[in-house]
Amino acid sequence: MKIENNLLNISMPQNDRVQEPSKAQSQALGRTPSAAVAGDGVDLGSQAGLVATAQAAGLSDRASITQSLRALVQSGQYKVDTAALADSMVSAAQYGD
């Protein structure tokens, strides 16, 4: 099979620098030149309310668990699982957890 070079219209950049698209190309792609220069970012927009709701849901569960643990400790009924504590300490020392 013969490949003819004149059929391949591939242009190589003149240098190793990345070139910004022209203003016309940016507008055609729905971008503004300032957005390309500003950097990366995330816009949650309407999702911010969902994130706040998810965070608030965890807080009420955490508060009730903390309250029940506090009551057990104050009454003297809380028992430490020494084997689990030892395993956790060894794991933290080995792996930095």
N, C-alpha and C. Protein backbone atom coordinates (compact mmCIF):
# COMPACT_ATOMS: atom_id res chain seq x y z
N MET A 1 0.84 -1.17 0.00
CA MET A 1 0.00 0.00 0.00
C MET A 1 0.89 1.24 0.00
N LYS A 2 0.58 2.15 -0.88
CA LYS A 2 1.38 3.36 -1.02
C LYS A 2 0.60 4.54 -0.46
N ILE A 3 1.25 5.32 0.40
CA ILE A 3 0.64 6.53 0.96
C ILE A 3 1.32 7.72 0.32
N GLU A 4 0.50 8.55 -0.27
CA GLU A 4 1.05 9.74 -0.91
C GLU A 4 1.01 10.90 0.07
N ASN A 5 2.12 11.57 0.22
CA ASN A 5 2.24 12.67 1.18
C ASN A 5 1.34 13.84 0.84
N ASN A 6 1.08 14.09 -0.42
CA ASN A 6 0.29 15.25 -0.79
C ASN A 6 -1.18 15.08 -0.41
N LEU A 7 -1.63 13.85 -0.12
CA LEU A 7 -3.01 13.64 0.30
C LEU A 7 -3.20 13.91 1.79
N LEU A 8 -2.13 13.84 2.52
CA LEU A 8 -2.21 14.11 3.95
C LEU A 8 -1.94 15.59 4.19
N ASN A 9 -2.95 16.31 4.55
CA ASN A 9 -2.81 17.74 4.77
C ASN A 9 -2.69 17.99 6.27
N ILE A 10 -1.53 17.66 6.80
CA ILE A 10 -1.28 17.82 8.24
C ILE A 10 -0.27 18.93 8.41
N SER A 11 -0.67 19.93 9.17
CA SER A 11 0.27 21.02 9.42
C SER A 11 0.80 20.89 10.84
N MET A 12 2.06 21.01 10.99
CA MET A 12 2.71 20.91 12.29
C MET A 12 2.96 22.31 12.83
N PRO A 13 2.86 22.49 14.16
CA PRO A 13 3.14 23.80 14.72
C PRO A 13 4.60 24.17 14.52
N GLN A 14 4.84 25.46 14.43
CA GLN A 14 6.19 25.95 14.20
C GLN A 14 7.06 25.87 15.45
N ASN A 15 6.44 25.83 16.62
CA ASN A 15 7.20 25.74 17.86
C ASN A 15 6.44 24.85 18.84
N ASP A 16 6.98 24.67 20.02
CA ASP A 16 6.37 23.78 21.01
C ASP A 16 5.36 24.49 21.90
N ARG A 17 5.01 25.71 21.62
CA ARG A 17 4.10 26.48 22.46
C ARG A 17 2.66 26.18 22.10
N VAL A 18 1.82 26.17 23.12
CA VAL A 18 0.39 26.00 22.89
C VAL A 18 -0.18 27.35 22.52
N GLN A 19 -1.01 27.36 21.49
CA GLN A 19 -1.57 28.62 21.04
C GLN A 19 -3.01 28.73 21.49
N GLU A 20 -3.39 29.89 21.93
CA GLU A 20 -4.78 30.17 22.30
C GLU A 20 -5.60 30.29 21.02
N PRO A 21 -6.85 29.83 21.04
CA PRO A 21 -7.68 29.99 19.85
C PRO A 21 -7.95 31.46 19.57
N SER A 22 -8.18 31.77 18.32
CA SER A 22 -8.48 33.14 17.97
C SER A 22 -9.83 33.55 18.56
N LYS A 23 -10.13 34.81 18.53
CA LYS A 23 -11.40 35.30 19.08
C LYS A 23 -12.58 34.68 18.35
N ALA A 24 -12.50 34.55 17.05
CA ALA A 24 -13.58 33.95 16.26
C ALA A 24 -13.77 32.49 16.63
N GLN A 25 -12.66 31.76 16.82
CA GLN A 25 -12.76 30.35 17.21
C GLN A 25 -13.33 30.21 18.61
N SER A 26 -12.94 31.08 19.52
CA SER A 26 -13.44 31.03 20.90
C SER A 26 -14.94 31.28 20.93
N GLN A 27 -15.40 32.26 20.16
CA GLN A 27 -16.83 32.56 20.14
C GLN A 27 -17.61 31.42 19.49
N ALA A 28 -17.04 30.78 18.50
CA ALA A 28 -17.72 29.67 17.84
C ALA A 28 -17.85 28.48 18.79
N LEU A 29 -16.88 28.33 19.69
CA LEU A 29 -16.92 27.25 20.67
C LEU A 29 -17.69 27.63 21.92
N GLY A 30 -18.19 28.85 21.98
CA GLY A 30 -18.95 29.30 23.15
C GLY A 30 -18.08 29.72 24.31
N ARG A 31 -16.85 30.07 24.03
CA ARG A 31 -15.91 30.50 25.08
C ARG A 31 -15.57 31.96 24.86
N THR A 32 -15.22 32.59 25.98
CA THR A 32 -14.70 33.94 25.86
C THR A 32 -13.20 33.88 26.09
N PRO A 33 -12.44 34.75 25.48
CA PRO A 33 -11.00 34.71 25.68
C PRO A 33 -10.60 34.85 27.14
N SER A 34 -11.33 35.62 27.93
CA SER A 34 -10.98 35.80 29.34
C SER A 34 -11.19 34.52 30.13
N ALA A 35 -12.14 33.65 29.72
CA ALA A 35 -12.37 32.40 30.42
C ALA A 35 -11.18 31.46 30.23
N ALA A 36 -10.56 31.49 29.07
CA ALA A 36 -9.42 30.63 28.82
C ALA A 36 -8.23 31.07 29.66
N VAL A 37 -8.11 32.35 29.91
CA VAL A 37 -7.00 32.88 30.69
C VAL A 37 -7.25 32.74 32.18
N ALA A 38 -8.51 32.80 32.61
CA ALA A 38 -8.83 32.80 34.03
C ALA A 38 -8.46 31.51 34.73
N GLY A 39 -8.52 30.36 34.07
CA GLY A 39 -8.16 29.09 34.68
C GLY A 39 -9.35 28.20 34.87
N ASP A 40 -9.09 27.08 35.50
CA ASP A 40 -10.15 26.10 35.71
C ASP A 40 -11.02 26.50 36.89
N GLY A 41 -12.25 26.01 36.87
CA GLY A 41 -13.16 26.29 37.97
C GLY A 41 -14.39 25.42 37.87
N VAL A 42 -15.13 25.37 38.96
CA VAL A 42 -16.36 24.60 39.00
C VAL A 42 -17.47 25.53 39.46
N ASP A 43 -18.57 25.51 38.72
CA ASP A 43 -19.72 26.32 39.08
C ASP A 43 -20.86 25.37 39.43
N LEU A 44 -21.19 25.28 40.71
CA LEU A 44 -22.25 24.39 41.14
C LEU A 44 -23.62 24.97 40.86
N GLY A 45 -23.72 26.28 40.77
CA GLY A 45 -24.99 26.93 40.47
C GLY A 45 -26.11 26.46 41.37
N SER A 46 -27.10 25.82 40.80
CA SER A 46 -28.26 25.39 41.57
C SER A 46 -27.95 24.19 42.46
N GLN A 47 -26.82 23.56 42.28
CA GLN A 47 -26.47 22.39 43.08
C GLN A 47 -26.03 22.77 44.50
N ALA A 48 -25.76 24.03 44.75
CA ALA A 48 -25.30 24.46 46.07
C ALA A 48 -26.33 24.13 47.14
N GLY A 49 -27.60 24.25 46.83
CA GLY A 49 -28.64 23.91 47.80
C GLY A 49 -28.64 22.44 48.15
N LEU A 50 -28.38 21.58 47.18
CA LEU A 50 -28.31 20.15 47.44
C LEU A 50 -27.10 19.80 48.31
N VAL A 51 -26.00 20.46 48.08
CA VAL A 51 -24.80 20.22 48.89
C VAL A 51 -25.06 20.63 50.34
N ALA A 52 -25.69 21.78 50.54
CA ALA A 52 -25.99 22.25 51.89
C ALA A 52 -26.96 21.31 52.60
N THR A 53 -27.93 20.77 51.89
CA THR A 53 -28.89 19.84 52.47
C THR A 53 -28.19 18.55 52.89
N ALA A 54 -27.28 18.06 52.06
CA ALA A 54 -26.54 16.83 52.38
C ALA A 54 -25.67 17.03 53.61
N GLN A 55 -25.04 18.19 53.73
CA GLN A 55 -24.20 18.47 54.89
C GLN A 55 -25.04 18.57 56.15
N ALA A 56 -26.18 19.21 56.07
CA ALA A 56 -27.05 19.38 57.24
C ALA A 56 -27.61 18.04 57.71
N ALA A 57 -27.90 17.13 56.79
CA ALA A 57 -28.43 15.81 57.15
C ALA A 57 -27.42 15.04 57.99
N GLY A 58 -26.18 15.12 57.66
CA GLY A 58 -25.14 14.43 58.43
C GLY A 58 -24.94 15.02 59.81
N LEU A 59 -25.16 16.31 59.96
CA LEU A 59 -24.95 16.96 61.25
C LEU A 59 -25.94 16.47 62.30
N SER A 60 -27.19 16.27 61.94
CA SER A 60 -28.17 15.83 62.94
C SER A 60 -27.87 14.41 63.40
N ASP A 61 -27.46 13.53 62.50
CA ASP A 61 -27.08 12.17 62.89
C ASP A 61 -25.86 12.18 63.79
N ARG A 62 -24.90 12.97 63.44
CA ARG A 62 -23.66 13.05 64.23
C ARG A 62 -23.95 13.60 65.63
N ALA A 63 -24.83 14.59 65.72
CA ALA A 63 -25.17 15.17 67.02
C ALA A 63 -25.87 14.15 67.91
N SER A 64 -26.76 13.33 67.35
CA SER A 64 -27.46 12.34 68.17
C SER A 64 -26.51 11.24 68.64
N ILE A 65 -25.58 10.82 67.79
CA ILE A 65 -24.59 9.82 68.20
C ILE A 65 -23.69 10.37 69.30
N THR A 66 -23.27 11.61 69.15
CA THR A 66 -22.42 12.23 70.16
C THR A 66 -23.16 12.34 71.49
N GLN A 67 -24.42 12.70 71.44
CA GLN A 67 -25.22 12.83 72.66
C GLN A 67 -25.35 11.48 73.37
N SER A 68 -25.61 10.42 72.62
CA SER A 68 -25.75 9.10 73.25
C SER A 68 -24.43 8.60 73.82
N LEU A 69 -23.32 8.86 73.13
CA LEU A 69 -22.01 8.48 73.67
C LEU A 69 -21.69 9.27 74.93
N ARG A 70 -22.03 10.55 74.94
CA ARG A 70 -21.79 11.38 76.12
C ARG A 70 -22.55 10.82 77.33
N ALA A 71 -23.80 10.41 77.12
CA ALA A 71 -24.61 9.86 78.20
C ALA A 71 -24.02 8.55 78.72
N LEU A 72 -23.54 7.69 77.80
CA LEU A 72 -22.93 6.43 78.22
C LEU A 72 -21.66 6.66 79.04
N VAL A 73 -20.82 7.60 78.61
CA VAL A 73 -19.58 7.89 79.33
C VAL A 73 -19.90 8.46 80.71
N GLN A 74 -20.84 9.39 80.80
CA GLN A 74 -21.18 10.01 82.09
C GLN A 74 -21.78 9.00 83.05
N SER A 75 -22.50 8.02 82.55
CA SER A 75 -23.12 7.02 83.44
C SER A 75 -22.17 5.88 83.76
N GLY A 76 -21.02 5.82 83.11
CA GLY A 76 -20.05 4.76 83.37
C GLY A 76 -20.35 3.48 82.62
N GLN A 77 -21.27 3.51 81.71
CA GLN A 77 -21.66 2.31 80.97
C GLN A 77 -20.86 2.11 79.67
N TYR A 78 -20.09 3.10 79.25
CA TYR A 78 -19.34 2.99 78.01
C TYR A 78 -18.12 2.12 78.24
N LYS A 79 -17.97 1.09 77.43
CA LYS A 79 -16.84 0.17 77.53
C LYS A 79 -15.99 0.30 76.27
N VAL A 80 -14.70 0.49 76.46
CA VAL A 80 -13.77 0.63 75.35
C VAL A 80 -13.43 -0.76 74.81
N ASP A 81 -13.51 -0.94 73.50
CA ASP A 81 -13.10 -2.18 72.85
C ASP A 81 -11.58 -2.10 72.69
N THR A 82 -10.86 -2.71 73.62
CA THR A 82 -9.40 -2.58 73.66
C THR A 82 -8.73 -3.19 72.43
N ALA A 83 -9.28 -4.28 71.90
CA ALA A 83 -8.70 -4.90 70.70
C ALA A 83 -8.83 -3.97 69.50
N ALA A 84 -10.00 -3.37 69.33
CA ALA A 84 -10.20 -2.44 68.21
C ALA A 84 -9.32 -1.21 68.37
N LEU A 85 -9.17 -0.73 69.60
CA LEU A 85 -8.32 0.43 69.85
C LEU A 85 -6.87 0.11 69.52
N ALA A 86 -6.39 -1.06 69.93
CA ALA A 86 -5.01 -1.46 69.64
C ALA A 86 -4.79 -1.60 68.14
N ASP A 87 -5.74 -2.23 67.44
CA ASP A 87 -5.61 -2.37 65.99
C ASP A 87 -5.56 -1.01 65.30
N SER A 88 -6.39 -0.10 65.76
CA SER A 88 -6.42 1.24 65.18
C SER A 88 -5.11 1.98 65.41
N MET A 89 -4.55 1.82 66.59
CA MET A 89 -3.28 2.50 66.91
C MET A 89 -2.14 1.94 66.06
N VAL A 90 -2.10 0.61 65.89
CA VAL A 90 -1.04 -0.01 65.08
C VAL A 90 -1.20 0.41 63.62
N SER A 91 -2.44 0.41 63.11
CA SER A 91 -2.69 0.81 61.74
C SER A 91 -2.27 2.26 61.51
N ALA A 92 -2.60 3.12 62.45
CA ALA A 92 -2.22 4.54 62.32
C ALA A 92 -0.71 4.70 62.32
N ALA A 93 -0.01 3.93 63.14
CA ALA A 93 1.45 4.02 63.19
C ALA A 93 2.09 3.51 61.90
N GLN A 94 1.49 2.46 61.31
CA GLN A 94 2.06 1.88 60.10
C GLN A 94 1.74 2.68 58.85
N TYR A 95 0.50 3.08 58.73
CA TYR A 95 0.03 3.67 57.47
C TYR A 95 -0.28 5.15 57.55
N GLY A 96 -0.17 5.73 58.72
CA GLY A 96 -0.45 7.15 58.86
C GLY A 96 -1.91 7.50 58.79
N ASP A 97 -2.79 6.57 59.13
CA ASP A 97 -4.23 6.82 59.08
C ASP A 97 -4.69 7.68 60.22
